[in-house]
Amino acid sequence: MAAPSANAPAPVLRIRPSRGWAALNLGELWQYRELTLLLMWRDIQVRYKQTALGVAWVVLQPLLTSLIFAVIFGGLARLPSDNVPYVVFSLAALVPWNFFAAAFGKGSASLVGSANLISKVYFPRLVIPLATVLAGLVDLAIGLVVLLGAALAFRIAPSAALLALPLFLLLALGAALGVALWLSALNVQFRDVGHLAPFFTQVWFYVTPVVYALSLVPEPWRVWLGLNPLASVAQGFRWAVLGTAAPPAGMLLLSAAVTAALLISGLFVFRRMERTFADVV
């Protein structure tokens, strides 16, 4: 075999933006898994860097919020709490809600916040919102331990329903990632999204049964409340940990369908808009 000529031209690699609806190419995410883990660790460190209490905020925030809710909604407004103490009743919904709200806010700003990285080097941009959402799982895990401890403190023994908790965790993760994909991509083109995100979070909070019981919603409307996946997640957490009523099957199926549609459409829209991120951000 002839040796390659010293004067042979060097190979040229051209990176061109995709046209039209690009393939998802999710296998590329696995190739950049170390980058995903690195960005996750960066987000976790930045969140608690130079804080006096550090990770203790993950414990104090839901506990103090649930105590305030117990005084206002459980004590003054006397809202029903499905025959469990209102503190753990609200805490069971606050734990997944805080995870979703953090993914909602931080996920929508993730691409704009990483503008310097996006404009300098190539990697699948999907890594950025994915790492932001996955970093919130650390807080979710700690909050879940706090919730289980609070339930035991009020002598609420776990039941077999606790085995279904991973399903509701997946539902919360899918909904959070789907919303983060949509908002992060749109925020690059329309910075108004970043200003509207806090407002949308407040509205979403009140249409999710966090401070009120699902039993207060008229029965014909409970299934349609499944259009909000967090409603099924909140009720599912209460059922799995506290032994309250399970979310209606129709409501749960509708939430699963909405989450799947939100996640799949978010992936395709993100890939569609990805080719312009480096130029616009």
Protein backbone atom coordinates (compact mmCIF):
# COMPACT_ATOMS: atom_id res chain seq x y z
CA MET A 1 0.00 0.00 0.00
CA ALA A 2 1.38 3.38 -0.94
CA ALA A 3 2.12 5.78 1.88
CA PRO A 4 0.00 8.95 1.91
CA SER A 5 1.66 11.90 0.26
CA ALA A 6 3.02 14.60 2.53
CA ASN A 7 1.45 17.19 0.22
CA ALA A 8 -2.02 15.61 0.37
CA PRO A 9 -4.68 18.13 1.43
CA ALA A 10 -6.00 17.83 4.97
CA PRO A 11 -9.55 16.60 5.30
CA VAL A 12 -12.14 19.35 5.74
CA LEU A 13 -15.12 18.99 8.06
CA ARG A 14 -18.02 21.31 7.38
CA ILE A 15 -20.69 21.83 10.06
CA ARG A 16 -23.85 23.17 8.50
CA PRO A 17 -27.19 23.99 10.11
CA SER A 18 -29.99 21.55 9.47
CA ARG A 19 -32.88 22.49 7.22
CA GLY A 20 -36.55 21.91 7.88
CA TRP A 21 -37.58 19.47 10.58
CA ALA A 22 -34.34 17.89 11.77
CA ALA A 23 -34.16 14.38 13.17
CA LEU A 24 -34.05 14.20 16.95
CA ASN A 25 -30.75 12.28 17.00
CA LEU A 26 -31.12 11.45 20.67
CA GLY A 27 -28.15 9.09 20.45
CA GLU A 28 -25.91 12.16 20.31
CA LEU A 29 -26.95 12.98 23.87
CA TRP A 30 -25.32 9.77 25.07
CA GLN A 31 -22.05 10.80 23.41
CA TYR A 32 -22.16 14.05 25.38
CA ARG A 33 -23.30 12.48 28.66
CA GLU A 34 -20.18 13.71 30.48
CA LEU A 35 -20.97 17.27 29.45
CA THR A 36 -24.51 16.82 30.77
CA LEU A 37 -23.19 15.65 34.13
CA LEU A 38 -20.71 18.53 34.22
CA LEU A 39 -23.42 21.11 33.59
CA MET A 40 -25.64 19.47 36.19
CA TRP A 41 -22.88 19.69 38.78
CA ARG A 42 -22.24 23.32 37.81
CA ASP A 43 -25.90 24.23 38.36
CA ILE A 44 -25.96 22.50 41.74
CA GLN A 45 -22.79 24.27 42.89
CA VAL A 46 -23.95 27.69 41.70
CA ARG A 47 -27.27 27.26 43.49
CA TYR A 48 -25.71 26.85 46.93
CA LYS A 49 -22.39 28.65 46.52
CA GLN A 50 -21.72 31.31 49.18
CA THR A 51 -24.97 30.61 51.03
CA ALA A 52 -24.96 30.52 54.82
CA LEU A 53 -27.33 27.54 55.09
CA GLY A 54 -26.38 25.73 51.88
CA VAL A 55 -28.44 22.63 51.17
CA ALA A 56 -30.53 23.33 54.29
CA TRP A 57 -32.58 25.68 52.12
CA VAL A 58 -33.98 22.61 50.33
CA VAL A 59 -35.38 21.45 53.66
CA LEU A 60 -36.44 24.81 55.10
CA GLN A 61 -38.23 26.20 52.05
CA PRO A 62 -40.98 23.56 51.70
CA LEU A 63 -41.31 23.15 55.48
CA LEU A 64 -41.76 26.87 56.15
CA THR A 65 -44.09 27.25 53.16
CA SER A 66 -46.26 24.35 54.30
CA LEU A 67 -46.42 25.81 57.82
CA ILE A 68 -47.59 29.16 56.41
CA PHE A 69 -50.18 27.39 54.27
CA ALA A 70 -51.33 25.43 57.32
CA VAL A 71 -51.94 28.67 59.24
CA ILE A 72 -53.65 30.56 56.40
CA PHE A 73 -55.53 27.91 54.44
CA GLY A 74 -55.85 25.17 57.05
CA GLY A 75 -56.41 27.37 60.10
CA LEU A 76 -58.04 30.59 58.91
CA ALA A 77 -59.76 29.46 55.71
CA ARG A 78 -60.38 25.95 57.12
CA LEU A 79 -59.94 24.21 53.79
CA PRO A 80 -60.36 20.41 53.98
CA SER A 81 -57.21 18.30 53.87
CA ASP A 82 -58.52 14.78 53.20
CA ASN A 83 -58.43 13.85 56.91
CA VAL A 84 -54.66 14.31 57.25
CA PRO A 85 -52.82 17.17 59.00
CA TYR A 86 -52.71 20.16 56.69
CA VAL A 87 -48.93 20.56 57.08
CA VAL A 88 -48.14 17.22 55.45
CA PHE A 89 -51.13 17.61 53.10
CA SER A 90 -49.64 20.75 51.54
CA LEU A 91 -46.05 19.47 51.83
CA ALA A 92 -46.87 16.39 49.74
CA ALA A 93 -47.89 18.64 46.83
CA LEU A 94 -45.22 21.28 47.42
CA VAL A 95 -42.33 18.84 46.94
CA PRO A 96 -43.13 18.02 43.27
CA TRP A 97 -44.43 21.53 42.62
CA ASN A 98 -41.15 23.16 43.73
CA PHE A 99 -39.27 20.85 41.37
CA PHE A 100 -41.54 21.80 38.47
CA ALA A 101 -41.48 25.53 39.27
CA ALA A 102 -37.67 25.54 39.37
CA ALA A 103 -37.52 23.71 36.03
CA PHE A 104 -40.07 26.18 34.63
CA GLY A 105 -38.07 29.25 35.60
CA LYS A 106 -34.48 28.07 35.24
CA GLY A 107 -35.17 25.91 32.21
CA SER A 108 -36.69 28.79 30.27
CA ALA A 109 -33.57 30.92 30.88
CA SER A 110 -31.03 28.11 30.44
CA LEU A 111 -30.07 28.77 26.81
CA VAL A 112 -29.84 32.54 27.18
CA GLY A 113 -27.76 32.07 30.33
CA SER A 114 -25.33 29.84 28.41
CA ALA A 115 -24.90 32.22 25.45
CA ASN A 116 -21.10 32.29 25.71
CA LEU A 117 -20.89 28.51 25.61
CA ILE A 118 -23.34 28.13 22.72
CA SER A 119 -21.59 30.68 20.51
CA LYS A 120 -18.10 29.18 20.92
CA VAL A 121 -18.28 25.41 20.61
CA TYR A 122 -20.55 22.79 19.06
CA PHE A 123 -22.50 20.31 21.17
CA PRO A 124 -26.16 19.26 21.12
CA ARG A 125 -27.96 22.25 22.61
CA LEU A 126 -30.50 19.91 24.14
CA VAL A 127 -27.87 19.17 26.80
CA ILE A 128 -28.39 22.59 28.44
CA PRO A 129 -32.11 22.45 29.37
CA LEU A 130 -31.77 18.73 30.08
CA ALA A 131 -28.97 19.33 32.60
CA THR A 132 -30.93 22.18 34.21
CA VAL A 133 -34.00 20.00 34.77
CA LEU A 134 -32.01 16.96 35.93
CA ALA A 135 -30.11 19.09 38.45
CA GLY A 136 -33.43 19.77 40.16
CA LEU A 137 -33.78 16.05 40.91
CA VAL A 138 -31.30 16.49 43.77
CA ASP A 139 -33.63 18.96 45.50
CA LEU A 140 -36.59 16.72 44.71
CA ALA A 141 -34.89 13.71 46.33
CA ILE A 142 -34.09 15.70 49.48
CA GLY A 143 -37.64 17.08 49.60
CA LEU A 144 -39.02 13.58 49.27
CA VAL A 145 -36.98 12.43 52.28
CA VAL A 146 -38.34 15.40 54.24
CA LEU A 147 -41.89 14.50 53.21
CA LEU A 148 -41.50 10.87 54.30
CA GLY A 149 -40.00 12.00 57.59
CA ALA A 150 -42.88 14.43 58.20
CA ALA A 151 -45.43 11.69 57.41
CA LEU A 152 -43.79 9.38 59.95
CA ALA A 153 -43.70 12.22 62.50
CA PHE A 154 -47.49 12.51 62.16
CA ARG A 155 -47.76 8.71 62.46
CA ILE A 156 -48.85 8.17 58.86
CA ALA A 157 -47.51 4.74 57.96
CA PRO A 158 -46.56 4.08 54.32
CA SER A 159 -48.76 1.71 52.33
CA ALA A 160 -48.35 -0.34 49.17
CA ALA A 161 -49.32 2.78 47.20
CA LEU A 162 -45.79 4.07 47.85
CA LEU A 163 -44.58 1.69 45.13
CA ALA A 164 -46.41 3.85 42.56
CA LEU A 165 -44.43 6.96 43.52
CA PRO A 166 -41.78 6.50 40.76
CA LEU A 167 -44.55 6.74 38.15
CA PHE A 168 -45.55 10.17 39.41
CA LEU A 169 -41.89 11.19 39.57
CA LEU A 170 -41.55 10.30 35.88
CA LEU A 171 -44.72 12.25 35.09
CA ALA A 172 -43.34 15.33 36.88
CA LEU A 173 -39.96 14.95 35.14
CA GLY A 174 -41.57 14.60 31.69
CA ALA A 175 -43.79 17.64 32.20
CA ALA A 176 -40.88 19.73 33.53
CA LEU A 177 -38.59 18.79 30.65
CA GLY A 178 -41.29 19.37 28.04
CA VAL A 179 -42.02 22.86 29.35
CA ALA A 180 -38.31 23.66 29.65
CA LEU A 181 -37.71 22.65 26.01
CA TRP A 182 -40.56 24.80 24.73
CA LEU A 183 -39.75 27.89 26.82
CA SER A 184 -35.95 27.76 26.45
CA ALA A 185 -36.22 27.62 22.66
CA LEU A 186 -38.84 30.37 22.49
CA ASN A 187 -36.90 32.56 24.93
CA VAL A 188 -33.97 32.73 22.51
CA GLN A 189 -36.20 34.29 19.86
CA PHE A 190 -38.62 36.18 22.10
CA ARG A 191 -37.12 37.48 25.34
CA ASP A 192 -40.64 38.31 26.56
CA VAL A 193 -40.89 34.65 27.57
CA GLY A 194 -38.38 35.25 30.36
CA HIS A 195 -40.50 38.10 31.73
CA LEU A 196 -43.75 36.13 31.48
CA ALA A 197 -42.39 32.94 33.07
CA PRO A 198 -42.93 34.10 36.71
CA PHE A 199 -46.52 35.09 35.90
CA PHE A 200 -47.26 31.77 34.23
CA THR A 201 -45.77 29.97 37.23
CA GLN A 202 -48.16 31.76 39.60
CA VAL A 203 -51.17 30.97 37.42
CA TRP A 204 -50.10 27.33 37.10
CA PHE A 205 -49.77 27.11 40.90
CA TYR A 206 -53.39 28.06 41.48
CA VAL A 207 -54.76 25.59 38.90
CA THR A 208 -52.79 22.83 40.66
CA PRO A 209 -54.33 21.36 43.85
CA VAL A 210 -51.49 22.33 46.16
CA VAL A 211 -53.31 24.36 48.84
CA TYR A 212 -56.72 22.81 48.22
CA ALA A 213 -57.96 19.25 47.98
CA LEU A 214 -59.03 17.65 44.73
CA SER A 215 -62.36 16.85 46.41
CA LEU A 216 -63.25 20.57 46.27
CA VAL A 217 -63.30 20.40 42.47
CA PRO A 218 -66.74 19.31 41.13
CA GLU A 219 -66.55 15.68 40.07
CA PRO A 220 -67.39 16.25 36.35
CA TRP A 221 -64.44 18.64 36.12
CA ARG A 222 -61.84 16.46 37.83
CA VAL A 223 -61.01 14.51 34.69
CA TRP A 224 -60.41 17.73 32.75
CA LEU A 225 -58.09 18.88 35.49
CA GLY A 226 -55.79 16.21 34.05
CA LEU A 227 -54.93 18.68 31.28
CA ASN A 228 -52.59 19.99 33.96
CA PRO A 229 -50.14 17.11 34.57
CA LEU A 230 -49.09 18.62 37.91
CA ALA A 231 -52.62 18.12 39.22
CA SER A 232 -52.25 14.35 38.82
CA VAL A 233 -48.72 14.49 40.24
CA ALA A 234 -49.83 16.40 43.36
CA GLN A 235 -52.74 14.05 43.99
CA GLY A 236 -50.54 11.05 43.21
CA PHE A 237 -47.93 12.10 45.79
CA ARG A 238 -50.63 12.49 48.43
CA TRP A 239 -52.06 9.08 47.60
CA ALA A 240 -48.67 7.35 47.55
CA VAL A 241 -47.28 8.91 50.74
CA LEU A 242 -50.32 9.89 52.84
CA GLY A 243 -52.88 7.32 51.74
CA THR A 244 -55.50 9.82 50.53
CA ALA A 245 -57.76 9.18 47.54
CA ALA A 246 -55.99 8.11 44.36
CA PRO A 247 -56.17 10.37 41.29
CA PRO A 248 -59.05 9.31 39.00
CA ALA A 249 -57.95 6.95 36.23
CA GLY A 250 -59.32 9.22 33.49
CA MET A 251 -57.53 12.22 34.92
CA LEU A 252 -54.26 10.29 35.18
CA LEU A 253 -54.46 8.98 31.61
CA LEU A 254 -55.19 12.47 30.29
CA SER A 255 -52.18 13.86 32.20
CA ALA A 256 -49.94 11.13 30.77
CA ALA A 257 -51.13 11.92 27.24
CA VAL A 258 -50.61 15.67 27.72
CA THR A 259 -47.12 15.08 29.14
CA ALA A 260 -46.15 12.84 26.22
CA ALA A 261 -47.46 15.40 23.71
CA LEU A 262 -45.69 18.23 25.53
CA LEU A 263 -42.38 16.36 25.64
CA ILE A 264 -42.43 15.08 22.03
CA SER A 265 -43.54 18.40 20.55
CA GLY A 266 -40.96 20.21 22.69
CA LEU A 267 -38.18 17.97 21.33
CA PHE A 268 -39.16 18.59 17.70
CA VAL A 269 -39.65 22.34 18.13
CA PHE A 270 -36.33 22.61 19.96
CA ARG A 271 -34.53 20.77 17.16
CA ARG A 272 -36.31 22.92 14.58
CA MET A 273 -35.12 26.16 16.19
CA GLU A 274 -31.71 24.87 17.30
CA ARG A 275 -29.89 25.88 14.11
CA THR A 276 -30.40 29.59 14.86
CA PHE A 277 -29.44 29.58 18.55
CA ALA A 278 -25.78 30.51 18.08
CA ASP A 279 -26.68 33.44 15.80
CA VAL A 280 -29.54 34.86 17.86
CA VAL A 281 -28.61 34.20 21.47
